Amino acid sequence: FGSLAQRSSVSKGSIHEILESVPENCLKVFDINLRQQYFSRE
């Protein structure tokens, strides 16, 4: 997953819901992918 699709609260919520659903040993890959103004420290 990355930061770009998290510019929207709807998609951000869905992404984190999926991340909460994966197994404990799942590789969770954050491809940070900073684009334009579409990211925040939070």
PDB file of all heavy atoms in Angstrom:
ATOM      1  N   PHE A   1       0.850  -1.189   0.000  1.00  0.00           N
ATOM      2  CA  PHE A   1       0.000   0.000   0.000  1.00  0.00           C
ATOM      3  C   PHE A   1       0.885   1.238   0.000  1.00  0.00           C
ATOM      4  O   PHE A   1       2.084   1.155   0.263  1.00  0.00           O
ATOM      5  CB  PHE A   1      -0.922   0.003   1.226  1.00  0.00           C
ATOM      6  CG  PHE A   1      -0.189   0.135   2.544  1.00  0.00           C
ATOM      7  CD1 PHE A   1      -0.218   1.327   3.255  1.00  0.00           C
ATOM      8  CD2 PHE A   1       0.532  -0.926   3.077  1.00  0.00           C
ATOM      9  CE1 PHE A   1       0.456   1.457   4.463  1.00  0.00           C
ATOM     10  CE2 PHE A   1       1.220  -0.808   4.294  1.00  0.00           C
ATOM     11  CZ  PHE A   1       1.181   0.393   4.976  1.00  0.00           C
ATOM     12  N   GLY A   2       0.309   2.383  -0.325  1.00  0.00           N
ATOM     13  CA  GLY A   2       1.084   3.621  -0.375  1.00  0.00           C
ATOM     14  C   GLY A   2       0.365   4.754   0.319  1.00  0.00           C
ATOM     15  O   GLY A   2      -0.614   4.558   1.039  1.00  0.00           O
ATOM     16  N   SER A   3       0.851   5.968   0.078  1.00  0.00           N
ATOM     17  CA  SER A   3       0.233   7.142   0.699  1.00  0.00           C
ATOM     18  C   SER A   3      -0.786   7.810  -0.211  1.00  0.00           C
ATOM     19  O   SER A   3      -1.700   8.477   0.260  1.00  0.00           O
ATOM     20  CB  SER A   3       1.310   8.155   1.093  1.00  0.00           C
ATOM     21  OG  SER A   3       1.996   8.638  -0.054  1.00  0.00           O
ATOM     22  N   LEU A   4      -0.651   7.643  -1.529  1.00  0.00           N
ATOM     23  CA  LEU A   4      -1.479   8.404  -2.462  1.00  0.00           C
ATOM     24  C   LEU A   4      -2.961   8.117  -2.302  1.00  0.00           C
ATOM     25  O   LEU A   4      -3.777   9.046  -2.210  1.00  0.00           O
ATOM     26  CB  LEU A   4      -1.030   8.138  -3.908  1.00  0.00           C
ATOM     27  CG  LEU A   4      -1.795   8.881  -5.005  1.00  0.00           C
ATOM     28  CD1 LEU A   4      -1.782  10.393  -4.768  1.00  0.00           C
ATOM     29  CD2 LEU A   4      -1.208   8.547  -6.368  1.00  0.00           C
ATOM     30  N   ALA A   5      -3.350   6.848  -2.274  1.00  0.00           N
ATOM     31  CA  ALA A   5      -4.775   6.511  -2.152  1.00  0.00           C
ATOM     32  C   ALA A   5      -5.342   6.923  -0.804  1.00  0.00           C
ATOM     33  O   ALA A   5      -6.566   7.001  -0.639  1.00  0.00           O
ATOM     34  CB  ALA A   5      -4.991   5.021  -2.381  1.00  0.00           C
ATOM     35  N   GLN A   6      -4.462   7.226   0.156  1.00  0.00           N
ATOM     36  CA  GLN A   6      -4.925   7.661   1.472  1.00  0.00           C
ATOM     37  C   GLN A   6      -5.238   9.156   1.516  1.00  0.00           C
ATOM     38  O   GLN A   6      -5.563   9.697   2.571  1.00  0.00           O
ATOM     39  CB  GLN A   6      -3.892   7.300   2.536  1.00  0.00           C
ATOM     40  CG  GLN A   6      -3.698   5.803   2.701  1.00  0.00           C
ATOM     41  CD  GLN A   6      -2.803   5.467   3.871  1.00  0.00           C
ATOM     42  OE1 GLN A   6      -3.133   5.733   5.031  1.00  0.00           O
ATOM     43  NE2 GLN A   6      -1.644   4.877   3.593  1.00  0.00           N
ATOM     44  N   ARG A   7      -5.174   9.836   0.353  1.00  0.00           N
ATOM     45  CA  ARG A   7      -5.572  11.252   0.312  1.00  0.00           C
ATOM     46  C   ARG A   7      -7.067  11.405   0.589  1.00  0.00           C
ATOM     47  O   ARG A   7      -7.536  12.471   0.982  1.00  0.00           O
ATOM     48  CB  ARG A   7      -5.227  11.858  -1.046  1.00  0.00           C
ATOM     49  CG  ARG A   7      -6.068  11.375  -2.212  1.00  0.00           C
ATOM     50  CD  ARG A   7      -5.635  11.991  -3.531  1.00  0.00           C
ATOM     51  NE  ARG A   7      -6.503  11.590  -4.647  1.00  0.00           N
ATOM     52  CZ  ARG A   7      -6.352  12.003  -5.893  1.00  0.00           C
ATOM     53  NH1 ARG A   7      -5.356  12.821  -6.200  1.00  0.00           N
ATOM     54  NH2 ARG A   7      -7.183  11.615  -6.845  1.00  0.00           N
ATOM     55  N   SER A   8      -7.830  10.330   0.363  1.00  0.00           N
ATOM     56  CA  SER A   8      -9.263  10.311   0.622  1.00  0.00           C
ATOM     57  C   SER A   8      -9.546   9.544   1.908  1.00  0.00           C
ATOM     58  O   SER A   8      -8.985   8.474   2.128  1.00  0.00           O
ATOM     59  CB  SER A   8      -9.975   9.629  -0.550  1.00  0.00           C
ATOM     60  OG  SER A   8     -11.145   8.967  -0.142  1.00  0.00           O
ATOM     61  N   SER A   9     -10.420  10.079   2.753  1.00  0.00           N
ATOM     62  CA  SER A   9     -10.739   9.405   4.022  1.00  0.00           C
ATOM     63  C   SER A   9     -11.423   8.066   3.776  1.00  0.00           C
ATOM     64  O   SER A   9     -11.239   7.116   4.547  1.00  0.00           O
ATOM     65  CB  SER A   9     -11.625  10.300   4.897  1.00  0.00           C
ATOM     66  OG  SER A   9     -12.849  10.593   4.239  1.00  0.00           O
ATOM     67  N   VAL A  10     -12.204   7.964   2.694  1.00  0.00           N
ATOM     68  CA  VAL A  10     -12.892   6.702   2.392  1.00  0.00           C
ATOM     69  C   VAL A  10     -11.874   5.609   2.065  1.00  0.00           C
ATOM     70  O   VAL A  10     -11.878   4.528   2.667  1.00  0.00           O
ATOM     71  CB  VAL A  10     -13.876   6.892   1.214  1.00  0.00           C
ATOM     72  CG1 VAL A  10     -14.486   5.543   0.818  1.00  0.00           C
ATOM     73  CG2 VAL A  10     -14.969   7.879   1.576  1.00  0.00           C
ATOM     74  N   SER A  11     -10.997   5.886   1.111  1.00  0.00           N
ATOM     75  CA  SER A  11      -9.997   4.883   0.724  1.00  0.00           C
ATOM     76  C   SER A  11      -9.014   4.609   1.861  1.00  0.00           C
ATOM     77  O   SER A  11      -8.606   3.465   2.070  1.00  0.00           O
ATOM     78  CB  SER A  11      -9.249   5.342  -0.525  1.00  0.00           C
ATOM     79  OG  SER A  11     -10.121   5.388  -1.639  1.00  0.00           O
ATOM     80  N   LYS A  12      -8.648   5.656   2.584  1.00  0.00           N
ATOM     81  CA  LYS A  12      -7.726   5.481   3.718  1.00  0.00           C
ATOM     82  C   LYS A  12      -8.314   4.509   4.735  1.00  0.00           C
ATOM     83  O   LYS A  12      -7.627   3.598   5.217  1.00  0.00           O
ATOM     84  CB  LYS A  12      -7.449   6.832   4.374  1.00  0.00           C
ATOM     85  CG  LYS A  12      -6.474   6.776   5.541  1.00  0.00           C
ATOM     86  CD  LYS A  12      -6.216   8.176   6.080  1.00  0.00           C
ATOM     87  CE  LYS A  12      -5.213   8.161   7.228  1.00  0.00           C
ATOM     88  NZ  LYS A  12      -4.905   9.541   7.705  1.00  0.00           N
ATOM     89  N   GLY A  13      -9.591   4.679   5.066  1.00  0.00           N
ATOM     90  CA  GLY A  13     -10.234   3.783   6.021  1.00  0.00           C
ATOM     91  C   GLY A  13     -10.250   2.346   5.532  1.00  0.00           C
ATOM     92  O   GLY A  13      -9.998   1.411   6.300  1.00  0.00           O
ATOM     93  N   SER A  14     -10.506   2.145   4.242  1.00  0.00           N
ATOM     94  CA  SER A  14     -10.550   0.797   3.671  1.00  0.00           C
ATOM     95  C   SER A  14      -9.177   0.149   3.662  1.00  0.00           C
ATOM     96  O   SER A  14      -9.031  -1.046   3.941  1.00  0.00           O
ATOM     97  CB  SER A  14     -11.115   0.853   2.254  1.00  0.00           C
ATOM     98  OG  SER A  14     -12.449   1.319   2.265  1.00  0.00           O
ATOM     99  N   ILE A  15      -8.152   0.933   3.334  1.00  0.00           N
ATOM    100  CA  ILE A  15      -6.781   0.409   3.321  1.00  0.00           C
ATOM    101  C   ILE A  15      -6.388  -0.087   4.705  1.00  0.00           C
ATOM    102  O   ILE A  15      -5.854  -1.193   4.867  1.00  0.00           O
ATOM    103  CB  ILE A  15      -5.803   1.484   2.804  1.00  0.00           C
ATOM    104  CG1 ILE A  15      -5.998   1.688   1.299  1.00  0.00           C
ATOM    105  CG2 ILE A  15      -4.352   1.089   3.107  1.00  0.00           C
ATOM    106  CD1 ILE A  15      -5.299   2.910   0.745  1.00  0.00           C
ATOM    107  N   HIS A  16      -6.668   0.703   5.724  1.00  0.00           N
ATOM    108  CA  HIS A  16      -6.271   0.311   7.085  1.00  0.00           C
ATOM    109  C   HIS A  16      -7.131  -0.836   7.612  1.00  0.00           C
ATOM    110  O   HIS A  16      -6.647  -1.658   8.401  1.00  0.00           O
ATOM    111  CB  HIS A  16      -6.279   1.524   8.007  1.00  0.00           C
ATOM    112  CG  HIS A  16      -5.103   2.416   7.780  1.00  0.00           C
ATOM    113  ND1 HIS A  16      -3.910   2.249   8.442  1.00  0.00           N
ATOM    114  CD2 HIS A  16      -4.916   3.448   6.919  1.00  0.00           C
ATOM    115  CE1 HIS A  16      -3.034   3.159   8.012  1.00  0.00           C
ATOM    116  NE2 HIS A  16      -3.622   3.891   7.089  1.00  0.00           N
ATOM    117  N   GLU A  17      -8.376  -0.918   7.145  1.00  0.00           N
ATOM    118  CA  GLU A  17      -9.214  -2.066   7.520  1.00  0.00           C
ATOM    119  C   GLU A  17      -8.614  -3.353   6.952  1.00  0.00           C
ATOM    120  O   GLU A  17      -8.557  -4.382   7.651  1.00  0.00           O
ATOM    121  CB  GLU A  17     -10.640  -1.872   7.007  1.00  0.00           C
ATOM    122  CG  GLU A  17     -11.595  -2.971   7.458  1.00  0.00           C
ATOM    123  CD  GLU A  17     -13.027  -2.754   6.990  1.00  0.00           C
ATOM    124  OE1 GLU A  17     -13.264  -1.817   6.196  1.00  0.00           O
ATOM    125  OE2 GLU A  17     -13.891  -3.545   7.406  1.00  0.00           O
ATOM    126  N   ILE A  18      -8.156  -3.301   5.725  1.00  0.00           N
ATOM    127  CA  ILE A  18      -7.502  -4.467   5.121  1.00  0.00           C
ATOM    128  C   ILE A  18      -6.231  -4.819   5.888  1.00  0.00           C
ATOM    129  O   ILE A  18      -5.956  -5.991   6.184  1.00  0.00           O
ATOM    130  CB  ILE A  18      -7.175  -4.199   3.644  1.00  0.00           C
ATOM    131  CG1 ILE A  18      -8.453  -4.215   2.794  1.00  0.00           C
ATOM    132  CG2 ILE A  18      -6.171  -5.217   3.106  1.00  0.00           C
ATOM    133  CD1 ILE A  18      -9.060  -5.580   2.585  1.00  0.00           C
ATOM    134  N   LEU A  19      -5.434  -3.808   6.220  1.00  0.00           N
ATOM    135  CA  LEU A  19      -4.171  -4.061   6.931  1.00  0.00           C
ATOM    136  C   LEU A  19      -4.413  -4.676   8.307  1.00  0.00           C
ATOM    137  O   LEU A  19      -3.573  -5.434   8.800  1.00  0.00           O
ATOM    138  CB  LEU A  19      -3.372  -2.761   7.061  1.00  0.00           C
ATOM    139  CG  LEU A  19      -2.841  -2.177   5.744  1.00  0.00           C
ATOM    140  CD1 LEU A  19      -2.212  -0.812   5.983  1.00  0.00           C
ATOM    141  CD2 LEU A  19      -1.829  -3.118   5.091  1.00  0.00           C
ATOM    142  N   GLU A  20      -5.536  -4.366   8.907  1.00  0.00           N
ATOM    143  CA  GLU A  20      -5.883  -4.974  10.194  1.00  0.00           C
ATOM    144  C   GLU A  20      -6.337  -6.425  10.021  1.00  0.00           C
ATOM    145  O   GLU A  20      -6.357  -7.187  10.982  1.00  0.00           O
ATOM    146  CB  GLU A  20      -6.999  -4.168  10.875  1.00  0.00           C
ATOM    147  CG  GLU A  20      -6.571  -2.801  11.372  1.00  0.00           C
ATOM    148  CD  GLU A  20      -5.596  -2.857  12.535  1.00  0.00           C
ATOM    149  OE1 GLU A  20      -5.577  -3.881  13.261  1.00  0.00           O
ATOM    150  OE2 GLU A  20      -4.827  -1.893  12.708  1.00  0.00           O
ATOM    151  N   SER A  21      -6.686  -6.794   8.788  1.00  0.00           N
ATOM    152  CA  SER A  21      -7.234  -8.129   8.524  1.00  0.00           C
ATOM    153  C   SER A  21      -6.174  -9.158   8.156  1.00  0.00           C
ATOM    154  O   SER A  21      -6.458 -10.355   8.162  1.00  0.00           O
ATOM    155  CB  SER A  21      -8.263  -8.052   7.383  1.00  0.00           C
ATOM    156  OG  SER A  21      -9.308  -7.166   7.710  1.00  0.00           O
ATOM    157  N   VAL A  22      -4.971  -8.697   7.769  1.00  0.00           N
ATOM    158  CA  VAL A  22      -3.960  -9.642   7.289  1.00  0.00           C
ATOM    159  C   VAL A  22      -3.364 -10.426   8.462  1.00  0.00           C
ATOM    160  O   VAL A  22      -3.407  -9.989   9.609  1.00  0.00           O
ATOM    161  CB  VAL A  22      -2.837  -8.918   6.507  1.00  0.00           C
ATOM    162  CG1 VAL A  22      -3.414  -8.172   5.314  1.00  0.00           C
ATOM    163  CG2 VAL A  22      -2.048  -7.967   7.406  1.00  0.00           C
ATOM    164  N   PRO A  23      -2.775 -11.602   8.188  1.00  0.00           N
ATOM    165  CA  PRO A  23      -2.142 -12.380   9.267  1.00  0.00           C
ATOM    166  C   PRO A  23      -0.972 -11.622   9.896  1.00  0.00           C
ATOM    167  O   PRO A  23      -0.389 -10.720   9.282  1.00  0.00           O
ATOM    168  CB  PRO A  23      -1.640 -13.633   8.540  1.00  0.00           C
ATOM    169  CG  PRO A  23      -2.440 -13.707   7.292  1.00  0.00           C
ATOM    170  CD  PRO A  23      -2.737 -12.304   6.901  1.00  0.00           C
ATOM    171  N   GLU A  24      -0.629 -12.005  11.099  1.00  0.00           N
ATOM    172  CA  GLU A  24       0.438 -11.321  11.837  1.00  0.00           C
ATOM    173  C   GLU A  24       1.774 -11.367  11.087  1.00  0.00           C
ATOM    174  O   GLU A  24       2.546 -10.422  11.117  1.00  0.00           O
ATOM    175  CB  GLU A  24       0.599 -11.943  13.227  1.00  0.00           C
ATOM    176  CG  GLU A  24       1.579 -11.201  14.112  1.00  0.00           C
ATOM    177  CD  GLU A  24       1.642 -11.771  15.522  1.00  0.00           C
ATOM    178  OE1 GLU A  24       0.776 -12.599  15.875  1.00  0.00           O
ATOM    179  OE2 GLU A  24       2.571 -11.388  16.272  1.00  0.00           O
ATOM    180  N   ASN A  25       2.038 -12.477  10.407  1.00  0.00           N
ATOM    181  CA  ASN A  25       3.323 -12.631   9.722  1.00  0.00           C
ATOM    182  C   ASN A  25       3.299 -12.130   8.276  1.00  0.00           C
ATOM    183  O   ASN A  25       4.271 -12.307   7.533  1.00  0.00           O
ATOM    184  CB  ASN A  25       3.782 -14.093   9.749  1.00  0.00           C
ATOM    185  CG  ASN A  25       2.817 -15.012   9.010  1.00  0.00           C
ATOM    186  OD1 ASN A  25       1.699 -14.616   8.680  1.00  0.00           O
ATOM    187  ND2 ASN A  25       3.251 -16.238   8.752  1.00  0.00           N
ATOM    188  N   CYS A  26       2.209 -11.522   7.849  1.00  0.00           N
ATOM    189  CA  CYS A  26       2.109 -10.970   6.501  1.00  0.00           C
ATOM    190  C   CYS A  26       3.106  -9.821   6.331  1.00  0.00           C
ATOM    191  O   CYS A  26       3.268  -8.976   7.229  1.00  0.00           O
ATOM    192  CB  CYS A  26       0.690 -10.453   6.264  1.00  0.00           C
ATOM    193  SG  CYS A  26       0.423  -9.635   4.692  1.00  0.00           S
ATOM    194  N   LEU A  27       3.797  -9.774   5.197  1.00  0.00           N
ATOM    195  CA  LEU A  27       4.679  -8.650   4.882  1.00  0.00           C
ATOM    196  C   LEU A  27       3.817  -7.458   4.493  1.00  0.00           C
ATOM    197  O   LEU A  27       3.114  -7.486   3.478  1.00  0.00           O
ATOM    198  CB  LEU A  27       5.615  -9.002   3.730  1.00  0.00           C
ATOM    199  CG  LEU A  27       6.600 -10.148   3.942  1.00  0.00           C
ATOM    200  CD1 LEU A  27       7.363 -10.414   2.636  1.00  0.00           C
ATOM    201  CD2 LEU A  27       7.575  -9.823   5.066  1.00  0.00           C
ATOM    202  N   LYS A  28       3.860  -6.402   5.294  1.00  0.00           N
ATOM    203  CA  LYS A  28       3.068  -5.204   5.008  1.00  0.00           C
ATOM    204  C   LYS A  28       4.029  -4.160   4.428  1.00  0.00           C
ATOM    205  O   LYS A  28       4.841  -3.581   5.150  1.00  0.00           O
ATOM    206  CB  LYS A  28       2.370  -4.711   6.278  1.00  0.00           C
ATOM    207  CG  LYS A  28       1.324  -5.707   6.782  1.00  0.00           C
ATOM    208  CD  LYS A  28       0.639  -5.255   8.042  1.00  0.00           C
ATOM    209  CE  LYS A  28       1.507  -5.419   9.272  1.00  0.00           C
ATOM    210  NZ  LYS A  28       1.808  -6.814   9.604  1.00  0.00           N
ATOM    211  N   VAL A  29       3.925  -3.953   3.127  1.00  0.00           N
ATOM    212  CA  VAL A  29       4.896  -3.160   2.386  1.00  0.00           C
ATOM    213  C   VAL A  29       4.348  -1.753   2.170  1.00  0.00           C
ATOM    214  O   VAL A  29       3.364  -1.574   1.434  1.00  0.00           O
ATOM    215  CB  VAL A  29       5.207  -3.804   1.027  1.00  0.00           C
ATOM    216  CG1 VAL A  29       6.350  -3.063   0.338  1.00  0.00           C
ATOM    217  CG2 VAL A  29       5.534  -5.285   1.184  1.00  0.00           C
ATOM    218  N   PHE A  30       4.980  -0.771   2.786  1.00  0.00           N
ATOM    219  CA  PHE A  30       4.580   0.623   2.601  1.00  0.00           C
ATOM    220  C   PHE A  30       5.475   1.242   1.532  1.00  0.00           C
ATOM    221  O   PHE A  30       6.611   1.616   1.791  1.00  0.00           O
ATOM    222  CB  PHE A  30       4.704   1.383   3.926  1.00  0.00           C
ATOM    223  CG  PHE A  30       4.267   2.828   3.854  1.00  0.00           C
ATOM    224  CD1 PHE A  30       3.222   3.232   3.043  1.00  0.00           C
ATOM    225  CD2 PHE A  30       4.904   3.784   4.623  1.00  0.00           C
ATOM    226  CE1 PHE A  30       2.819   4.566   2.990  1.00  0.00           C
ATOM    227  CE2 PHE A  30       4.515   5.121   4.583  1.00  0.00           C
ATOM    228  CZ  PHE A  30       3.468   5.506   3.763  1.00  0.00           C
ATOM    229  N   ASP A  31       4.945   1.286   0.303  1.00  0.00           N
ATOM    230  CA  ASP A  31       5.631   1.970  -0.791  1.00  0.00           C
ATOM    231  C   ASP A  31       5.190   3.427  -0.699  1.00  0.00           C
ATOM    232  O   ASP A  31       4.143   3.799  -1.218  1.00  0.00           O
ATOM    233  CB  ASP A  31       5.226   1.344  -2.128  1.00  0.00           C
ATOM    234  CG  ASP A  31       5.934   1.981  -3.313  1.00  0.00           C
ATOM    235  OD1 ASP A  31       6.714   2.926  -3.093  1.00  0.00           O
ATOM    236  OD2 ASP A  31       5.696   1.549  -4.450  1.00  0.00           O
ATOM    237  N   ILE A  32       5.986   4.233  -0.040  1.00  0.00           N
ATOM    238  CA  ILE A  32       5.546   5.548   0.431  1.00  0.00           C
ATOM    239  C   ILE A  32       5.025   6.430  -0.696  1.00  0.00           C
ATOM    240  O   ILE A  32       4.026   7.108  -0.541  1.00  0.00           O
ATOM    241  CB  ILE A  32       6.685   6.231   1.234  1.00  0.00           C
ATOM    242  CG1 ILE A  32       6.155   7.404   2.054  1.00  0.00           C
ATOM    243  CG2 ILE A  32       7.831   6.614   0.334  1.00  0.00           C
ATOM    244  CD1 ILE A  32       7.149   7.931   3.083  1.00  0.00           C
ATOM    245  N   ASN A  33       5.694   6.458  -1.835  1.00  0.00           N
ATOM    246  CA  ASN A  33       5.157   7.037  -3.072  1.00  0.00           C
ATOM    247  C   ASN A  33       4.577   8.435  -2.876  1.00  0.00           C
ATOM    248  O   ASN A  33       3.401   8.677  -3.170  1.00  0.00           O
ATOM    249  CB  ASN A  33       4.094   6.084  -3.653  1.00  0.00           C
ATOM    250  CG  ASN A  33       3.926   6.241  -5.146  1.00  0.00           C
ATOM    251  OD1 ASN A  33       4.827   6.718  -5.834  1.00  0.00           O
ATOM    252  ND2 ASN A  33       2.777   5.841  -5.643  1.00  0.00           N
ATOM    253  N   LEU A  34       5.388   9.360  -2.370  1.00  0.00           N
ATOM    254  CA  LEU A  34       4.927  10.722  -2.126  1.00  0.00           C
ATOM    255  C   LEU A  34       4.674  11.427  -3.457  1.00  0.00           C
ATOM    256  O   LEU A  34       5.559  11.512  -4.301  1.00  0.00           O
ATOM    257  CB  LEU A  34       5.959  11.501  -1.307  1.00  0.00           C
ATOM    258  CG  LEU A  34       6.341  10.902   0.055  1.00  0.00           C
ATOM    259  CD1 LEU A  34       7.337  11.797   0.763  1.00  0.00           C
ATOM    260  CD2 LEU A  34       5.101  10.670   0.925  1.00  0.00           C
ATOM    261  N   ARG A  35       3.477  11.947  -3.612  1.00  0.00           N
ATOM    262  CA  ARG A  35       3.095  12.620  -4.849  1.00  0.00           C
ATOM    263  C   ARG A  35       2.476  13.975  -4.532  1.00  0.00           C
ATOM    264  O   ARG A  35       1.508  14.059  -3.770  1.00  0.00           O
ATOM    265  CB  ARG A  35       2.079  11.784  -5.639  1.00  0.00           C
ATOM    266  CG  ARG A  35       2.650  10.488  -6.206  1.00  0.00           C
ATOM    267  CD  ARG A  35       3.524  10.755  -7.429  1.00  0.00           C
ATOM    268  NE  ARG A  35       3.997   9.532  -8.041  1.00  0.00           N
ATOM    269  CZ  ARG A  35       5.203   9.013  -7.851  1.00  0.00           C
ATOM    270  NH1 ARG A  35       6.059   9.616  -7.043  1.00  0.00           N
ATOM    271  NH2 ARG A  35       5.568   7.889  -8.461  1.00  0.00           N
ATOM    272  N   GLN A  36       3.063  15.026  -5.123  1.00  0.00           N
ATOM    273  CA  GLN A  36       2.530  16.376  -5.013  1.00  0.00           C
ATOM    274  C   GLN A  36       2.227  16.709  -3.542  1.00  0.00           C
ATOM    275  O   GLN A  36       3.069  16.500  -2.670  1.00  0.00           O
ATOM    276  CB  GLN A  36       1.336  16.533  -5.957  1.00  0.00           C
ATOM    277  CG  GLN A  36       1.695  16.366  -7.418  1.00  0.00           C
ATOM    278  CD  GLN A  36       0.507  16.243  -8.339  1.00  0.00           C
ATOM    279  OE1 GLN A  36       0.579  15.614  -9.381  1.00  0.00           O
ATOM    280  NE2 GLN A  36      -0.618  16.839  -8.013  1.00  0.00           N
ATOM    281  N   GLN A  37       0.998  17.163  -3.267  1.00  0.00           N
ATOM    282  CA  GLN A  37       0.647  17.539  -1.893  1.00  0.00           C
ATOM    283  C   GLN A  37      -0.158  16.451  -1.188  1.00  0.00           C
ATOM    284  O   GLN A  37      -0.671  16.683  -0.091  1.00  0.00           O
ATOM    285  CB  GLN A  37      -0.165  18.848  -1.905  1.00  0.00           C
ATOM    286  CG  GLN A  37      -1.610  18.704  -2.371  1.00  0.00           C
ATOM    287  CD  GLN A  37      -1.779  18.724  -3.880  1.00  0.00           C
ATOM    288  OE1 GLN A  37      -0.837  18.529  -4.625  1.00  0.00           O
ATOM    289  NE2 GLN A  37      -3.009  18.984  -4.327  1.00  0.00           N
ATOM    290  N   TYR A  38      -0.224  15.248  -1.774  1.00  0.00           N
ATOM    291  CA  TYR A  38      -1.159  14.233  -1.297  1.00  0.00           C
ATOM    292  C   TYR A  38      -0.582  13.361  -0.185  1.00  0.00           C
ATOM    293  O   TYR A  38      -0.622  12.129  -0.264  1.00  0.00           O
ATOM    294  CB  TYR A  38      -1.620  13.366  -2.461  1.00  0.00           C
ATOM    295  CG  TYR A  38      -2.300  14.135  -3.564  1.00  0.00           C
ATOM    296  CD1 TYR A  38      -1.811  14.088  -4.861  1.00  0.00           C
ATOM    297  CD2 TYR A  38      -3.429  14.920  -3.299  1.00  0.00           C
ATOM    298  CE1 TYR A  38      -2.433  14.794  -5.883  1.00  0.00           C
ATOM    299  CE2 TYR A  38      -4.049  15.631  -4.304  1.00  0.00           C
ATOM    300  CZ  TYR A  38      -3.545  15.562  -5.595  1.00  0.00           C
ATOM    301  OH  TYR A  38      -4.161  16.271  -6.606  1.00  0.00           O
ATOM    302  N   PHE A  39      -0.061  13.968   0.859  1.00  0.00           N
ATOM    303  CA  PHE A  39       0.392  13.195   2.010  1.00  0.00           C
ATOM    304  C   PHE A  39       0.473  14.118   3.218  1.00  0.00           C
ATOM    305  O   PHE A  39       0.489  15.341   3.083  1.00  0.00           O
ATOM    306  CB  PHE A  39       1.747  12.534   1.742  1.00  0.00           C
ATOM    307  CG  PHE A  39       2.875  13.497   1.475  1.00  0.00           C
ATOM    308  CD1 PHE A  39       3.676  13.966   2.520  1.00  0.00           C
ATOM    309  CD2 PHE A  39       3.156  13.951   0.195  1.00  0.00           C
ATOM    310  CE1 PHE A  39       4.710  14.853   2.289  1.00  0.00           C
ATOM    311  CE2 PHE A  39       4.195  14.832  -0.052  1.00  0.00           C
ATOM    312  CZ  PHE A  39       4.971  15.288   0.993  1.00  0.00           C
ATOM    313  N   SER A  40       0.523  13.509   4.388  1.00  0.00           N
ATOM    314  CA  SER A  40       0.642  14.267   5.640  1.00  0.00           C
ATOM    315  C   SER A  40       1.479  13.461   6.620  1.00  0.00           C
ATOM    316  O   SER A  40       1.653  12.243   6.455  1.00  0.00           O
ATOM    317  CB  SER A  40      -0.734  14.525   6.248  1.00  0.00           C
ATOM    318  OG  SER A  40      -1.331  13.300   6.674  1.00  0.00           O
ATOM    319  N   ARG A  41       1.996  14.128   7.645  1.00  0.00           N
ATOM    320  CA  ARG A  41       2.765  13.436   8.676  1.00  0.00           C
ATOM    321  C   ARG A  41       1.911  12.377   9.365  1.00  0.00           C
ATOM    322  O   ARG A  41       2.377  11.273   9.648  1.00  0.00           O
ATOM    323  CB  ARG A  41       3.287  14.441   9.711  1.00  0.00           C
ATOM    324  CG  ARG A  41       4.259  13.827  10.725  1.00  0.00           C
ATOM    325  CD  ARG A  41       4.691  14.845  11.760  1.00  0.00           C
ATOM    326  NE  ARG A  41       5.770  14.341  12.577  1.00  0.00           N
ATOM    327  CZ  ARG A  41       5.622  13.513  13.615  1.00  0.00           C
ATOM    328  NH1 ARG A  41       4.405  13.068  13.943  1.00  0.00           N
ATOM    329  NH2 ARG A  41       6.669  13.104  14.307  1.00  0.00           N
ATOM    330  N   GLU A  42       0.655  12.699   9.606  1.00  0.00           N
ATOM    331  CA  GLU A  42      -0.246  11.761  10.282  1.00  0.00           C
ATOM    332  C   GLU A  42      -0.408  10.470   9.474  1.00  0.00           C
ATOM    333  O   GLU A  42      -0.329   9.362  10.017  1.00  0.00           O
ATOM    334  CB  GLU A  42      -1.619  12.425  10.479  1.00  0.00           C
ATOM    335  CG  GLU A  42      -2.659  11.503  11.105  1.00  0.00           C
ATOM    336  CD  GLU A  42      -4.062  12.090  11.065  1.00  0.00           C
ATOM    337  OE1 GLU A  42      -4.268  13.121  10.395  1.00  0.00           O
ATOM    338  OE2 GLU A  42      -4.955  11.492  11.677  1.00  0.00           O
TER     339      GLU A  42
END
